[in-house]
Amino acid sequence: MRSIVLAAAVLAAVSTLPQRAQAVIVDGGTLQTDGTNTTVDLYYFNLSQSGSFSPGLAELPVNPPPVSHPAIKLYRADGPGAGMLVAAANAATLGHVALNASLAAGDYIMVVSEYLLAAGNFGPLNPDAVNKVGYQYEFGISGGEDQYVSSTCDYTGHLNGTFTLKGGLASCGATPVLPTYQPSVLEPDSFAVLAVGLLGLGAMFAGPRRAPSRTG
């Protein structure tokens, strides 16, 4: 098994977000690879009020540089839109990926793996990853309405094809409840990706890190 361990840093809120915005979910994990598959991790969270939010993932470069191209996909997890892809970002260059999305209140799943991560692949394995590189990472979710974001369940994918519950509410099951994927068009007037791009390390979160918010 190959594994490149990277020192990780949480991405920042982009400059269009209010200066008071700071990371409200700070978490991380390790993607593993056996040269054939790369693992997939799942992060469930709830938005109690609609708003603009910025999920992002990053690693600090090491010498020699990694050959990692992280990918994140954001799905609705409840209601008639459960399983619908609402935002996605693939790193075009090494190490960092983030997106901005205007989201309605509700439950969401952030899926983390290596590029390529096919739409509708909720893991625990990603056979389509181009680089198939393992590494440690951290991510954060920030936005103009910090207080309305709360983490619910975190799951880690394993190369044996299983998930384990890493942390979450007492109501979280031992394995994730996965919605049925619904192909959709990302429309600019609904759950649109407002902007997708790479963030440099200079765009660190405006506020200090704080522990994930858990409710219930």
C-alpha atoms as a PDB file:
ATOM      1  CA  MET A   1       0.000   0.000   0.000  1.00  0.00           C
ATOM      2  CA  ARG A   2       1.321   3.430  -0.909  1.00  0.00           C
ATOM      3  CA  SER A   3       0.622   6.335   1.400  1.00  0.00           C
ATOM      4  CA  ILE A   4       1.995   9.840   1.212  1.00  0.00           C
ATOM      5  CA  VAL A   5       1.422  11.566   4.535  1.00  0.00           C
ATOM      6  CA  LEU A   6       1.000  15.301   4.209  1.00  0.00           C
ATOM      7  CA  ALA A   7       0.840  17.968   6.883  1.00  0.00           C
ATOM      8  CA  ALA A   8      -2.641  19.423   6.427  1.00  0.00           C
ATOM      9  CA  ALA A   9      -4.020  22.948   6.663  1.00  0.00           C
ATOM     10  CA  VAL A  10      -7.640  24.022   6.603  1.00  0.00           C
ATOM     11  CA  LEU A  11      -8.741  26.212   3.708  1.00  0.00           C
ATOM     12  CA  ALA A  12     -10.000  29.738   4.184  1.00  0.00           C
ATOM     13  CA  ALA A  13     -13.205  31.536   3.413  1.00  0.00           C
ATOM     14  CA  VAL A  14     -12.871  33.187   0.020  1.00  0.00           C
ATOM     15  CA  SER A  15     -12.600  36.967  -0.167  1.00  0.00           C
ATOM     16  CA  THR A  16     -16.245  37.384  -1.157  1.00  0.00           C
ATOM     17  CA  LEU A  17     -17.405  36.076   2.208  1.00  0.00           C
ATOM     18  CA  PRO A  18     -17.844  38.398   5.205  1.00  0.00           C
ATOM     19  CA  GLN A  19     -14.709  38.963   7.252  1.00  0.00           C
ATOM     20  CA  ARG A  20     -16.387  37.543  10.340  1.00  0.00           C
ATOM     21  CA  ALA A  21     -16.801  34.145   8.660  1.00  0.00           C
ATOM     22  CA  GLN A  22     -14.666  31.354  10.050  1.00  0.00           C
ATOM     23  CA  ALA A  23     -14.494  27.585   9.902  1.00  0.00           C
ATOM     24  CA  VAL A  24     -17.429  26.014  11.672  1.00  0.00           C
ATOM     25  CA  ILE A  25     -16.608  22.425  10.818  1.00  0.00           C
ATOM     26  CA  VAL A  26     -12.957  21.458  11.034  1.00  0.00           C
ATOM     27  CA  ASP A  27     -12.230  17.817  10.444  1.00  0.00           C
ATOM     28  CA  GLY A  28      -9.939  15.578   8.485  1.00  0.00           C
ATOM     29  CA  GLY A  29      -8.868  12.085   7.660  1.00  0.00           C
ATOM     30  CA  THR A  30      -6.613   9.898   5.548  1.00  0.00           C
ATOM     31  CA  LEU A  31      -7.232   8.662   2.031  1.00  0.00           C
ATOM     32  CA  GLN A  32      -5.665   5.265   1.418  1.00  0.00           C
ATOM     33  CA  THR A  33      -4.747   3.482  -1.794  1.00  0.00           C
ATOM     34  CA  ASP A  34      -3.629   0.026  -2.861  1.00  0.00           C
ATOM     35  CA  GLY A  35      -2.757   1.115  -6.394  1.00  0.00           C
ATOM     36  CA  THR A  36      -6.147  -0.015  -7.702  1.00  0.00           C
ATOM     37  CA  ASN A  37      -8.639   1.845  -5.505  1.00  0.00           C
ATOM     38  CA  THR A  38      -8.577   4.987  -3.410  1.00  0.00           C
ATOM     39  CA  THR A  39     -10.821   5.236  -0.374  1.00  0.00           C
ATOM     40  CA  VAL A  40     -13.757   7.646  -0.030  1.00  0.00           C
ATOM     41  CA  ASP A  41     -14.732   9.500   3.152  1.00  0.00           C
ATOM     42  CA  LEU A  42     -18.179  10.921   3.941  1.00  0.00           C
ATOM     43  CA  TYR A  43     -19.088  13.963   6.042  1.00  0.00           C
ATOM     44  CA  TYR A  44     -22.743  14.597   6.858  1.00  0.00           C
ATOM     45  CA  PHE A  45     -23.811  18.044   8.017  1.00  0.00           C
ATOM     46  CA  ASN A  46     -26.940  20.093   8.508  1.00  0.00           C
ATOM     47  CA  LEU A  47     -27.780  23.660   7.537  1.00  0.00           C
ATOM     48  CA  SER A  48     -30.603  25.009   9.676  1.00  0.00           C
ATOM     49  CA  GLN A  49     -30.943  28.094   7.459  1.00  0.00           C
ATOM     50  CA  SER A  50     -30.244  28.829   3.808  1.00  0.00           C
ATOM     51  CA  GLY A  51     -27.027  30.629   2.999  1.00  0.00           C
ATOM     52  CA  SER A  52     -23.748  30.736   1.129  1.00  0.00           C
ATOM     53  CA  PHE A  53     -21.169  28.203   2.280  1.00  0.00           C
ATOM     54  CA  SER A  54     -17.630  27.201   1.285  1.00  0.00           C
ATOM     55  CA  PRO A  55     -16.485  23.606   1.752  1.00  0.00           C
ATOM     56  CA  GLY A  56     -12.787  23.154   1.109  1.00  0.00           C
ATOM     57  CA  LEU A  57      -9.928  20.697   1.552  1.00  0.00           C
ATOM     58  CA  ALA A  58      -6.171  21.195   1.582  1.00  0.00           C
ATOM     59  CA  GLU A  59      -2.778  19.698   2.236  1.00  0.00           C
ATOM     60  CA  LEU A  60       0.532  21.470   2.733  1.00  0.00           C
ATOM     61  CA  PRO A  61       3.108  20.597   0.081  1.00  0.00           C
ATOM     62  CA  VAL A  62       6.065  18.447   1.045  1.00  0.00           C
ATOM     63  CA  ASN A  63       9.383  17.790  -0.652  1.00  0.00           C
ATOM     64  CA  PRO A  64       9.188  16.029  -3.026  1.00  0.00           C
ATOM     65  CA  PRO A  65       5.756  17.428  -3.975  1.00  0.00           C
ATOM     66  CA  PRO A  66       2.782  15.070  -3.783  1.00  0.00           C
ATOM     67  CA  VAL A  67       0.914  13.949  -6.860  1.00  0.00           C
ATOM     68  CA  SER A  68      -2.486  14.385  -5.266  1.00  0.00           C
ATOM     69  CA  HIS A  69      -5.552  15.938  -6.862  1.00  0.00           C
ATOM     70  CA  PRO A  70      -8.339  15.898  -4.264  1.00  0.00           C
ATOM     71  CA  ALA A  71     -11.975  15.932  -5.262  1.00  0.00           C
ATOM     72  CA  ILE A  72     -15.083  16.873  -3.300  1.00  0.00           C
ATOM     73  CA  LYS A  73     -18.721  16.395  -4.213  1.00  0.00           C
ATOM     74  CA  LEU A  74     -21.664  17.801  -2.283  1.00  0.00           C
ATOM     75  CA  TYR A  75     -25.044  16.031  -2.278  1.00  0.00           C
ATOM     76  CA  ARG A  76     -28.407  16.768  -0.752  1.00  0.00           C
ATOM     77  CA  ALA A  77     -29.199  14.079   1.859  1.00  0.00           C
ATOM     78  CA  ASP A  78     -32.874  14.700   2.640  1.00  0.00           C
ATOM     79  CA  GLY A  79     -36.216  15.513   1.045  1.00  0.00           C
ATOM     80  CA  PRO A  80     -37.173  14.894  -2.594  1.00  0.00           C
ATOM     81  CA  GLY A  81     -33.734  16.066  -3.660  1.00  0.00           C
ATOM     82  CA  ALA A  82     -31.881  13.412  -1.638  1.00  0.00           C
ATOM     83  CA  GLY A  83     -29.016  12.002  -3.683  1.00  0.00           C
ATOM     84  CA  MET A  84     -28.863  15.028  -5.980  1.00  0.00           C
ATOM     85  CA  LEU A  85     -25.442  16.499  -6.713  1.00  0.00           C
ATOM     86  CA  VAL A  86     -25.542  20.194  -5.799  1.00  0.00           C
ATOM     87  CA  ALA A  87     -21.868  21.191  -6.118  1.00  0.00           C
ATOM     88  CA  ALA A  88     -18.543  19.659  -7.105  1.00  0.00           C
ATOM     89  CA  ALA A  89     -14.878  20.593  -7.415  1.00  0.00           C
ATOM     90  CA  ASN A  90     -11.803  18.777  -8.684  1.00  0.00           C
ATOM     91  CA  ALA A  91      -8.295  20.038  -8.070  1.00  0.00           C
ATOM     92  CA  ALA A  92      -6.663  20.960 -11.352  1.00  0.00           C
ATOM     93  CA  THR A  93      -3.291  21.291  -9.620  1.00  0.00           C
ATOM     94  CA  LEU A  94      -1.765  19.771  -6.534  1.00  0.00           C
ATOM     95  CA  GLY A  95      -3.145  19.829  -3.095  1.00  0.00           C
ATOM     96  CA  HIS A  96      -6.081  22.214  -2.620  1.00  0.00           C
ATOM     97  CA  VAL A  97      -9.704  22.284  -3.692  1.00  0.00           C
ATOM     98  CA  ALA A  98     -12.701  24.355  -2.618  1.00  0.00           C
ATOM     99  CA  LEU A  99     -16.058  25.573  -3.834  1.00  0.00           C
ATOM    100  CA  ASN A 100     -18.691  28.162  -3.004  1.00  0.00           C
ATOM    101  CA  ALA A 101     -22.322  27.116  -3.074  1.00  0.00           C
ATOM    102  CA  SER A 102     -25.644  28.749  -2.293  1.00  0.00           C
ATOM    103  CA  LEU A 103     -27.500  26.085  -0.326  1.00  0.00           C
ATOM    104  CA  ALA A 104     -31.020  25.719   1.001  1.00  0.00           C
ATOM    105  CA  ALA A 105     -31.534  24.584   4.601  1.00  0.00           C
ATOM    106  CA  GLY A 106     -31.342  20.821   5.032  1.00  0.00           C
ATOM    107  CA  ASP A 107     -29.008  17.850   5.314  1.00  0.00           C
ATOM    108  CA  TYR A 108     -25.976  17.350   3.074  1.00  0.00           C
ATOM    109  CA  ILE A 109     -23.191  14.843   2.420  1.00  0.00           C
ATOM    110  CA  MET A 110     -19.686  15.941   1.477  1.00  0.00           C
ATOM    111  CA  VAL A 111     -17.849  13.142  -0.346  1.00  0.00           C
ATOM    112  CA  VAL A 112     -14.026  13.293  -0.333  1.00  0.00           C
ATOM    113  CA  SER A 113     -11.623  11.308  -2.509  1.00  0.00           C
ATOM    114  CA  GLU A 114      -9.106  11.666  -5.345  1.00  0.00           C
ATOM    115  CA  TYR A 115      -9.853  13.005  -8.829  1.00  0.00           C
ATOM    116  CA  LEU A 116     -11.590  11.461 -10.761  1.00  0.00           C
ATOM    117  CA  LEU A 117     -14.501  10.907  -8.381  1.00  0.00           C
ATOM    118  CA  ALA A 118     -17.517   9.874 -10.418  1.00  0.00           C
ATOM    119  CA  ALA A 119     -20.898  11.471  -9.745  1.00  0.00           C
ATOM    120  CA  GLY A 120     -22.998   9.084  -7.683  1.00  0.00           C
ATOM    121  CA  ASN A 121     -19.998   7.294  -6.159  1.00  0.00           C
ATOM    122  CA  PHE A 122     -20.579   7.435  -2.391  1.00  0.00           C
ATOM    123  CA  GLY A 123     -17.708   5.018  -1.718  1.00  0.00           C
ATOM    124  CA  PRO A 124     -16.153   3.421   0.162  1.00  0.00           C
ATOM    125  CA  LEU A 125     -13.903   2.855  -2.887  1.00  0.00           C
ATOM    126  CA  ASN A 126     -13.026   5.035  -5.848  1.00  0.00           C
ATOM    127  CA  PRO A 127     -11.613   2.941  -8.728  1.00  0.00           C
ATOM    128  CA  ASP A 128     -11.540   5.928 -11.084  1.00  0.00           C
ATOM    129  CA  ALA A 129      -8.933   8.012  -9.252  1.00  0.00           C
ATOM    130  CA  VAL A 130      -6.266   9.079 -11.740  1.00  0.00           C
ATOM    131  CA  ASN A 131      -3.358   9.394  -9.313  1.00  0.00           C
ATOM    132  CA  LYS A 132      -4.382   6.863  -6.659  1.00  0.00           C
ATOM    133  CA  VAL A 133      -2.329   8.614  -3.994  1.00  0.00           C
ATOM    134  CA  GLY A 134      -2.956   8.275  -0.271  1.00  0.00           C
ATOM    135  CA  TYR A 135      -2.569  11.258   2.053  1.00  0.00           C
ATOM    136  CA  GLN A 136      -3.800  12.970   5.165  1.00  0.00           C
ATOM    137  CA  TYR A 137      -6.055  16.003   4.776  1.00  0.00           C
ATOM    138  CA  GLU A 138      -8.172  18.494   6.657  1.00  0.00           C
ATOM    139  CA  PHE A 139     -11.230  20.387   5.537  1.00  0.00           C
ATOM    140  CA  GLY A 140     -13.467  23.148   6.759  1.00  0.00           C
ATOM    141  CA  ILE A 141     -16.871  24.570   5.921  1.00  0.00           C
ATOM    142  CA  SER A 142     -17.346  28.288   6.332  1.00  0.00           C
ATOM    143  CA  GLY A 143     -19.855  30.870   5.266  1.00  0.00           C
ATOM    144  CA  GLY A 144     -21.742  34.005   6.118  1.00  0.00           C
ATOM    145  CA  GLU A 145     -24.128  32.173   8.434  1.00  0.00           C
ATOM    146  CA  ASP A 146     -21.666  30.283  10.630  1.00  0.00           C
ATOM    147  CA  GLN A 147     -24.058  29.496  13.433  1.00  0.00           C
ATOM    148  CA  TYR A 148     -26.421  27.512  11.193  1.00  0.00           C
ATOM    149  CA  VAL A 149     -23.915  24.784  10.269  1.00  0.00           C
ATOM    150  CA  SER A 150     -23.540  21.634  12.373  1.00  0.00           C
ATOM    151  CA  SER A 151     -21.717  18.368  11.764  1.00  0.00           C
ATOM    152  CA  THR A 152     -23.784  15.222  12.161  1.00  0.00           C
ATOM    153  CA  CYS A 153     -21.952  11.994  11.117  1.00  0.00           C
ATOM    154  CA  ASP A 154     -18.417  11.288   9.817  1.00  0.00           C
ATOM    155  CA  TYR A 155     -17.508   8.033   8.073  1.00  0.00           C
ATOM    156  CA  THR A 156     -14.116   6.707   6.968  1.00  0.00           C
ATOM    157  CA  GLY A 157     -13.798   4.444   3.934  1.00  0.00           C
ATOM    158  CA  HIS A 158     -11.434   1.437   3.986  1.00  0.00           C
ATOM    159  CA  LEU A 159      -9.700  -0.580   1.293  1.00  0.00           C
ATOM    160  CA  ASN A 160     -11.604  -3.708   2.368  1.00  0.00           C
ATOM    161  CA  GLY A 161     -14.777  -2.075   1.040  1.00  0.00           C
ATOM    162  CA  THR A 162     -16.304  -1.023   4.358  1.00  0.00           C
ATOM    163  CA  PHE A 163     -17.030   2.180   6.263  1.00  0.00           C
ATOM    164  CA  THR A 164     -16.482   2.885   9.938  1.00  0.00           C
ATOM    165  CA  LEU A 165     -18.123   5.648  11.950  1.00  0.00           C
ATOM    166  CA  LYS A 166     -15.393   8.092  12.956  1.00  0.00           C
ATOM    167  CA  GLY A 167     -17.585  10.427  14.965  1.00  0.00           C
ATOM    168  CA  GLY A 168     -20.977  12.058  15.179  1.00  0.00           C
ATOM    169  CA  LEU A 169     -24.283  12.201  16.955  1.00  0.00           C
ATOM    170  CA  ALA A 170     -25.716   9.361  19.007  1.00  0.00           C
ATOM    171  CA  SER A 171     -28.240   8.794  16.222  1.00  0.00           C
ATOM    172  CA  CYS A 172     -25.525   7.956  13.647  1.00  0.00           C
ATOM    173  CA  GLY A 173     -25.543   4.337  12.534  1.00  0.00           C
ATOM    174  CA  ALA A 174     -22.464   2.127  12.359  1.00  0.00           C
ATOM    175  CA  THR A 175     -22.608   2.456   8.560  1.00  0.00           C
ATOM    176  CA  PRO A 176     -23.835   5.430   6.527  1.00  0.00           C
ATOM    177  CA  VAL A 177     -27.364   5.718   5.174  1.00  0.00           C
ATOM    178  CA  LEU A 178     -26.748   6.501   1.515  1.00  0.00           C
ATOM    179  CA  PRO A 179     -29.312   8.149  -0.750  1.00  0.00           C
ATOM    180  CA  THR A 180     -30.020   6.941  -4.269  1.00  0.00           C
ATOM    181  CA  TYR A 181     -28.088   9.078  -6.729  1.00  0.00           C
ATOM    182  CA  GLN A 182     -30.272  11.393  -8.806  1.00  0.00           C
ATOM    183  CA  PRO A 183     -28.596  12.850 -11.891  1.00  0.00           C
ATOM    184  CA  SER A 184     -29.267  16.567 -12.072  1.00  0.00           C
ATOM    185  CA  VAL A 185     -28.210  19.766 -13.778  1.00  0.00           C
ATOM    186  CA  LEU A 186     -26.626  22.321 -11.474  1.00  0.00           C
ATOM    187  CA  GLU A 187     -28.823  25.348 -12.107  1.00  0.00           C
ATOM    188  CA  PRO A 188     -27.536  28.833 -11.245  1.00  0.00           C
ATOM    189  CA  ASP A 189     -30.841  29.885  -9.679  1.00  0.00           C
ATOM    190  CA  SER A 190     -31.138  26.991  -7.238  1.00  0.00           C
ATOM    191  CA  PHE A 191     -28.385  24.858  -5.693  1.00  0.00           C
ATOM    192  CA  ALA A 192     -25.766  26.352  -7.952  1.00  0.00           C
ATOM    193  CA  VAL A 193     -22.057  26.331  -7.745  1.00  0.00           C
ATOM    194  CA  LEU A 194     -21.370  30.049  -7.586  1.00  0.00           C
ATOM    195  CA  ALA A 195     -17.657  29.607  -8.059  1.00  0.00           C
ATOM    196  CA  VAL A 196     -15.262  26.689  -8.093  1.00  0.00           C
ATOM    197  CA  GLY A 197     -11.551  27.246  -7.824  1.00  0.00           C
ATOM    198  CA  LEU A 198      -8.354  26.467  -6.074  1.00  0.00           C
ATOM    199  CA  LEU A 199      -7.403  28.357  -2.933  1.00  0.00           C
ATOM    200  CA  GLY A 200      -3.797  29.135  -2.073  1.00  0.00           C
ATOM    201  CA  LEU A 201      -2.434  28.798   1.413  1.00  0.00           C
ATOM    202  CA  GLY A 202      -2.554  32.573   1.724  1.00  0.00           C
ATOM    203  CA  ALA A 203      -6.337  32.408   1.943  1.00  0.00           C
ATOM    204  CA  MET A 204      -6.449  30.865   5.407  1.00  0.00           C
ATOM    205  CA  PHE A 205      -9.600  31.080   7.527  1.00  0.00           C
ATOM    206  CA  ALA A 206     -10.149  34.536   8.990  1.00  0.00           C
ATOM    207  CA  GLY A 207     -10.920  33.159  12.454  1.00  0.00           C
ATOM    208  CA  PRO A 208      -9.225  30.531  14.643  1.00  0.00           C
ATOM    209  CA  ARG A 209     -10.054  26.883  14.360  1.00  0.00           C
ATOM    210  CA  ARG A 210     -12.694  25.543  16.624  1.00  0.00           C
ATOM    211  CA  ALA A 211     -14.034  22.084  17.289  1.00  0.00           C
ATOM    212  CA  PRO A 212     -16.854  20.709  15.115  1.00  0.00           C
ATOM    213  CA  SER A 213     -20.291  21.836  16.226  1.00  0.00           C
ATOM    214  CA  ARG A 214     -22.425  18.906  17.300  1.00  0.00           C
ATOM    215  CA  THR A 215     -26.077  19.111  18.197  1.00  0.00           C
ATOM    216  CA  GLY A 216     -28.587  16.617  19.490  1.00  0.00           C
END
